Amino acid sequence: MNSNNLLRKQVVSEIKKKRLIIFILIVLSFIYLGLNLLLGDAGFLRYRELLSKKTYIEKEIAEVEKENIQTKTKLKSLKENPFYSEKYAREEFGLARPDEYIFQYDR
């Protein structure tokens, strides 16, 4: 009976060791998955970084589109409105008609 009891204790001890090993493996797996979800290439921190880049790029696109619309409007005015093209030539290039004088002041 003593050997039977000793054998039973040994079996119970082995079962506890196996359970402990399985528990440790499960905990380590969850730690690995958690770290991977947080710090991995497709993790949360990378997601936040890409989201901020996306917002920045969308803001830049909106500014460039606004500038593009202004440039198209200016180009259309230059093509269609002779008064505007004359004004633009006078202001940007300092051009004048043959009988005019231009006075420019440094700012």
N, C-alpha and C. Protein backbone atom coordinates (compact mmCIF):
# COMPACT_ATOMS: atom_id res chain seq x y z
N MET A 1 0.80 -1.18 0.00
CA MET A 1 0.00 0.00 0.00
C MET A 1 0.86 1.26 0.00
N ASN A 2 1.98 1.16 0.61
CA ASN A 2 2.88 2.28 0.66
C ASN A 2 3.44 2.60 -0.72
N SER A 3 3.76 1.60 -1.50
CA SER A 3 4.26 1.82 -2.86
C SER A 3 3.14 2.34 -3.76
N ASN A 4 1.91 1.87 -3.50
CA ASN A 4 0.77 2.35 -4.26
C ASN A 4 0.53 3.83 -3.98
N ASN A 5 0.65 4.21 -2.74
CA ASN A 5 0.49 5.60 -2.35
C ASN A 5 1.62 6.47 -2.92
N LEU A 6 2.82 5.93 -2.90
CA LEU A 6 3.97 6.65 -3.47
C LEU A 6 3.81 6.84 -4.97
N LEU A 7 3.31 5.80 -5.64
CA LEU A 7 3.07 5.87 -7.08
C LEU A 7 1.99 6.91 -7.38
N ARG A 8 0.96 6.95 -6.55
CA ARG A 8 -0.12 7.92 -6.74
C ARG A 8 0.42 9.34 -6.58
N LYS A 9 1.27 9.59 -5.59
CA LYS A 9 1.86 10.91 -5.38
C LYS A 9 2.73 11.30 -6.57
N GLN A 10 3.44 10.33 -7.10
CA GLN A 10 4.30 10.60 -8.25
C GLN A 10 3.47 10.96 -9.48
N VAL A 11 2.36 10.25 -9.68
CA VAL A 11 1.48 10.53 -10.83
C VAL A 11 0.85 11.92 -10.67
N VAL A 12 0.38 12.22 -9.46
CA VAL A 12 -0.23 13.54 -9.21
C VAL A 12 0.81 14.63 -9.43
N SER A 13 2.05 14.42 -9.00
CA SER A 13 3.12 15.38 -9.19
C SER A 13 3.41 15.58 -10.68
N GLU A 14 3.43 14.52 -11.44
CA GLU A 14 3.66 14.63 -12.90
C GLU A 14 2.52 15.39 -13.57
N ILE A 15 1.29 15.14 -13.15
CA ILE A 15 0.13 15.83 -13.73
C ILE A 15 0.22 17.33 -13.42
N LYS A 16 0.61 17.66 -12.18
CA LYS A 16 0.76 19.07 -11.80
C LYS A 16 1.85 19.74 -12.62
N LYS A 17 2.95 19.03 -12.85
CA LYS A 17 4.04 19.59 -13.67
C LYS A 17 3.57 19.85 -15.09
N LYS A 18 2.82 18.89 -15.66
CA LYS A 18 2.31 19.06 -17.03
C LYS A 18 1.36 20.24 -17.11
N ARG A 19 0.48 20.35 -16.11
CA ARG A 19 -0.46 21.47 -16.09
C ARG A 19 0.28 22.81 -15.97
N LEU A 20 1.32 22.83 -15.12
CA LEU A 20 2.10 24.04 -14.95
C LEU A 20 2.81 24.42 -16.26
N ILE A 21 3.36 23.42 -16.94
CA ILE A 21 4.03 23.67 -18.22
C ILE A 21 3.04 24.19 -19.25
N ILE A 22 1.86 23.57 -19.32
CA ILE A 22 0.83 24.01 -20.28
C ILE A 22 0.38 25.43 -19.94
N PHE A 23 0.18 25.71 -18.64
CA PHE A 23 -0.23 27.05 -18.22
C PHE A 23 0.83 28.08 -18.60
N ILE A 24 2.10 27.76 -18.36
CA ILE A 24 3.18 28.69 -18.71
C ILE A 24 3.24 28.91 -20.22
N LEU A 25 3.05 27.85 -21.01
CA LEU A 25 3.04 28.00 -22.47
C LEU A 25 1.89 28.89 -22.93
N ILE A 26 0.73 28.72 -22.32
CA ILE A 26 -0.43 29.55 -22.69
C ILE A 26 -0.18 31.01 -22.33
N VAL A 27 0.37 31.25 -21.13
CA VAL A 27 0.66 32.62 -20.71
C VAL A 27 1.70 33.25 -21.63
N LEU A 28 2.75 32.53 -21.95
CA LEU A 28 3.77 33.04 -22.86
C LEU A 28 3.20 33.32 -24.25
N SER A 29 2.29 32.46 -24.70
CA SER A 29 1.64 32.68 -26.00
C SER A 29 0.83 33.97 -25.99
N PHE A 30 0.08 34.19 -24.92
CA PHE A 30 -0.70 35.43 -24.83
C PHE A 30 0.20 36.65 -24.72
N ILE A 31 1.30 36.54 -24.01
CA ILE A 31 2.24 37.66 -23.93
C ILE A 31 2.83 37.95 -25.31
N TYR A 32 3.20 36.91 -26.04
CA TYR A 32 3.74 37.09 -27.39
C TYR A 32 2.70 37.74 -28.31
N LEU A 33 1.47 37.24 -28.26
CA LEU A 33 0.42 37.81 -29.11
C LEU A 33 0.14 39.26 -28.74
N GLY A 34 0.13 39.54 -27.45
CA GLY A 34 -0.11 40.92 -27.01
C GLY A 34 0.98 41.86 -27.47
N LEU A 35 2.23 41.45 -27.32
CA LEU A 35 3.34 42.28 -27.78
C LEU A 35 3.32 42.45 -29.30
N ASN A 36 2.98 41.39 -29.99
CA ASN A 36 2.91 41.46 -31.44
C ASN A 36 1.79 42.39 -31.90
N LEU A 37 0.65 42.35 -31.21
CA LEU A 37 -0.45 43.25 -31.55
C LEU A 37 -0.11 44.70 -31.24
N LEU A 38 0.72 44.90 -30.25
CA LEU A 38 1.08 46.26 -29.87
C LEU A 38 2.26 46.80 -30.67
N LEU A 39 3.30 46.00 -30.82
CA LEU A 39 4.55 46.50 -31.39
C LEU A 39 4.90 45.93 -32.76
N GLY A 40 4.14 45.00 -33.28
CA GLY A 40 4.48 44.34 -34.55
C GLY A 40 4.32 45.25 -35.75
N ASP A 41 4.66 44.73 -36.93
CA ASP A 41 4.55 45.49 -38.17
C ASP A 41 3.11 45.91 -38.46
N ALA A 42 2.17 45.09 -38.07
CA ALA A 42 0.75 45.43 -38.25
C ALA A 42 0.11 45.72 -36.90
N GLY A 43 0.91 46.17 -35.95
CA GLY A 43 0.44 46.41 -34.60
C GLY A 43 -0.22 47.76 -34.43
N PHE A 44 -0.68 47.98 -33.21
CA PHE A 44 -1.42 49.19 -32.89
C PHE A 44 -0.57 50.45 -33.04
N LEU A 45 0.67 50.41 -32.60
CA LEU A 45 1.53 51.59 -32.72
C LEU A 45 1.80 51.94 -34.18
N ARG A 46 2.02 50.94 -35.00
CA ARG A 46 2.23 51.17 -36.43
C ARG A 46 0.95 51.72 -37.07
N TYR A 47 -0.19 51.21 -36.62
CA TYR A 47 -1.48 51.69 -37.12
C TYR A 47 -1.65 53.17 -36.80
N ARG A 48 -1.32 53.57 -35.56
CA ARG A 48 -1.45 54.97 -35.17
C ARG A 48 -0.51 55.86 -36.00
N GLU A 49 0.70 55.37 -36.23
CA GLU A 49 1.66 56.12 -37.04
C GLU A 49 1.14 56.31 -38.46
N LEU A 50 0.63 55.24 -39.04
CA LEU A 50 0.12 55.33 -40.42
C LEU A 50 -1.13 56.20 -40.48
N LEU A 51 -1.95 56.16 -39.44
CA LEU A 51 -3.14 57.00 -39.41
C LEU A 51 -2.77 58.48 -39.36
N SER A 52 -1.75 58.83 -38.59
CA SER A 52 -1.32 60.23 -38.55
C SER A 52 -0.71 60.65 -39.88
N LYS A 53 0.05 59.76 -40.53
CA LYS A 53 0.59 60.07 -41.85
C LYS A 53 -0.52 60.27 -42.86
N LYS A 54 -1.54 59.43 -42.78
CA LYS A 54 -2.68 59.54 -43.70
C LYS A 54 -3.37 60.89 -43.52
N THR A 55 -3.58 61.30 -42.28
CA THR A 55 -4.22 62.58 -42.01
C THR A 55 -3.38 63.73 -42.56
N TYR A 56 -2.07 63.66 -42.36
CA TYR A 56 -1.17 64.70 -42.86
C TYR A 56 -1.21 64.77 -44.38
N ILE A 57 -1.17 63.61 -45.03
CA ILE A 57 -1.18 63.58 -46.49
C ILE A 57 -2.52 64.07 -47.04
N GLU A 58 -3.62 63.71 -46.38
CA GLU A 58 -4.93 64.20 -46.83
C GLU A 58 -5.01 65.71 -46.71
N LYS A 59 -4.41 66.26 -45.66
CA LYS A 59 -4.39 67.71 -45.48
C LYS A 59 -3.57 68.36 -46.60
N GLU A 60 -2.43 67.76 -46.92
CA GLU A 60 -1.60 68.28 -48.01
C GLU A 60 -2.33 68.21 -49.34
N ILE A 61 -3.04 67.11 -49.58
CA ILE A 61 -3.80 66.96 -50.83
C ILE A 61 -4.86 68.04 -50.94
N ALA A 62 -5.54 68.32 -49.82
CA ALA A 62 -6.57 69.36 -49.84
C ALA A 62 -5.96 70.73 -50.16
N GLU A 63 -4.78 71.01 -49.58
CA GLU A 63 -4.12 72.29 -49.87
C GLU A 63 -3.69 72.37 -51.33
N VAL A 64 -3.16 71.29 -51.88
CA VAL A 64 -2.72 71.29 -53.28
C VAL A 64 -3.93 71.41 -54.21
N GLU A 65 -5.03 70.76 -53.87
CA GLU A 65 -6.23 70.90 -54.71
C GLU A 65 -6.76 72.33 -54.68
N LYS A 66 -6.71 72.95 -53.50
CA LYS A 66 -7.14 74.35 -53.39
C LYS A 66 -6.24 75.25 -54.24
N GLU A 67 -4.94 75.02 -54.14
CA GLU A 67 -3.99 75.78 -54.95
C GLU A 67 -4.20 75.53 -56.44
N ASN A 68 -4.52 74.29 -56.78
CA ASN A 68 -4.78 73.93 -58.18
C ASN A 68 -6.00 74.67 -58.71
N ILE A 69 -7.04 74.76 -57.90
CA ILE A 69 -8.25 75.48 -58.32
C ILE A 69 -7.93 76.96 -58.52
N GLN A 70 -7.15 77.53 -57.60
CA GLN A 70 -6.77 78.94 -57.74
C GLN A 70 -5.95 79.17 -59.01
N THR A 71 -5.05 78.25 -59.29
CA THR A 71 -4.22 78.38 -60.50
C THR A 71 -5.07 78.25 -61.75
N LYS A 72 -6.01 77.32 -61.75
CA LYS A 72 -6.89 77.17 -62.92
C LYS A 72 -7.75 78.42 -63.12
N THR A 73 -8.22 78.98 -62.02
CA THR A 73 -9.02 80.20 -62.11
C THR A 73 -8.19 81.35 -62.66
N LYS A 74 -6.97 81.46 -62.16
CA LYS A 74 -6.06 82.51 -62.64
C LYS A 74 -5.75 82.33 -64.12
N LEU A 75 -5.49 81.09 -64.53
CA LEU A 75 -5.18 80.80 -65.92
C LEU A 75 -6.38 81.12 -66.82
N LYS A 76 -7.58 80.76 -66.35
CA LYS A 76 -8.78 81.05 -67.12
C LYS A 76 -8.96 82.56 -67.26
N SER A 77 -8.71 83.29 -66.18
CA SER A 77 -8.83 84.75 -66.24
C SER A 77 -7.79 85.35 -67.19
N LEU A 78 -6.58 84.81 -67.15
CA LEU A 78 -5.54 85.31 -68.05
C LEU A 78 -5.89 85.06 -69.52
N LYS A 79 -6.52 83.92 -69.80
CA LYS A 79 -6.87 83.60 -71.19
C LYS A 79 -8.07 84.40 -71.67
N GLU A 80 -9.04 84.62 -70.81
CA GLU A 80 -10.32 85.19 -71.26
C GLU A 80 -10.46 86.69 -71.01
N ASN A 81 -9.80 87.23 -70.00
CA ASN A 81 -10.00 88.62 -69.63
C ASN A 81 -8.75 89.44 -69.95
N PRO A 82 -8.82 90.28 -70.96
CA PRO A 82 -7.63 91.07 -71.33
C PRO A 82 -7.23 92.09 -70.25
N PHE A 83 -8.19 92.59 -69.50
CA PHE A 83 -7.85 93.54 -68.44
C PHE A 83 -7.07 92.86 -67.32
N TYR A 84 -7.45 91.65 -67.02
CA TYR A 84 -6.73 90.90 -65.99
C TYR A 84 -5.31 90.56 -66.44
N SER A 85 -5.19 90.15 -67.70
CA SER A 85 -3.85 89.81 -68.20
C SER A 85 -2.96 91.06 -68.23
N GLU A 86 -3.54 92.22 -68.54
CA GLU A 86 -2.76 93.46 -68.52
C GLU A 86 -2.35 93.80 -67.09
N LYS A 87 -3.26 93.66 -66.17
CA LYS A 87 -2.97 93.93 -64.76
C LYS A 87 -1.87 92.98 -64.25
N TYR A 88 -1.99 91.74 -64.63
CA TYR A 88 -1.00 90.75 -64.21
C TYR A 88 0.38 91.08 -64.78
N ALA A 89 0.43 91.47 -66.05
CA ALA A 89 1.70 91.82 -66.69
C ALA A 89 2.31 93.05 -66.02
N ARG A 90 1.48 94.00 -65.64
CA ARG A 90 1.98 95.21 -64.99
C ARG A 90 2.52 94.88 -63.59
N GLU A 91 1.78 94.08 -62.82
CA GLU A 91 2.16 93.82 -61.43
C GLU A 91 3.31 92.82 -61.31
N GLU A 92 3.28 91.79 -62.10
CA GLU A 92 4.28 90.73 -61.94
C GLU A 92 5.59 91.02 -62.67
N PHE A 93 5.48 91.63 -63.85
CA PHE A 93 6.68 91.81 -64.67
C PHE A 93 7.10 93.27 -64.82
N GLY A 94 6.31 94.17 -64.29
CA GLY A 94 6.66 95.59 -64.38
C GLY A 94 6.56 96.13 -65.79
N LEU A 95 5.70 95.58 -66.59
CA LEU A 95 5.54 96.04 -67.98
C LEU A 95 4.64 97.27 -68.02
N ALA A 96 4.80 98.05 -69.07
CA ALA A 96 3.99 99.26 -69.25
C ALA A 96 3.77 99.49 -70.74
N ARG A 97 2.83 100.32 -71.02
CA ARG A 97 2.60 100.71 -72.40
C ARG A 97 3.70 101.68 -72.82
N PRO A 98 3.85 101.87 -74.13
CA PRO A 98 4.96 102.72 -74.59
C PRO A 98 4.93 104.15 -74.04
N ASP A 99 3.79 104.71 -73.78
CA ASP A 99 3.72 106.10 -73.34
C ASP A 99 3.58 106.24 -71.81
N GLU A 100 3.83 105.17 -71.06
CA GLU A 100 3.67 105.20 -69.61
C GLU A 100 5.03 105.10 -68.91
N TYR A 101 5.08 105.65 -67.71
CA TYR A 101 6.25 105.53 -66.85
C TYR A 101 5.87 104.71 -65.63
N ILE A 102 6.83 103.93 -65.15
CA ILE A 102 6.58 103.09 -63.99
C ILE A 102 7.47 103.57 -62.84
N PHE A 103 6.85 103.79 -61.71
CA PHE A 103 7.58 104.14 -60.50
C PHE A 103 7.45 102.97 -59.53
N GLN A 104 8.60 102.40 -59.16
CA GLN A 104 8.59 101.28 -58.22
C GLN A 104 9.32 101.69 -56.95
N TYR A 105 8.74 101.30 -55.85
CA TYR A 105 9.31 101.61 -54.54
C TYR A 105 9.70 100.31 -53.85
N ASP A 106 10.85 100.32 -53.20
CA ASP A 106 11.26 99.15 -52.44
C ASP A 106 10.48 99.12 -51.13
N ARG A 107 10.05 97.98 -50.78
CA ARG A 107 9.28 97.84 -49.54
C ARG A 107 10.13 97.36 -48.43
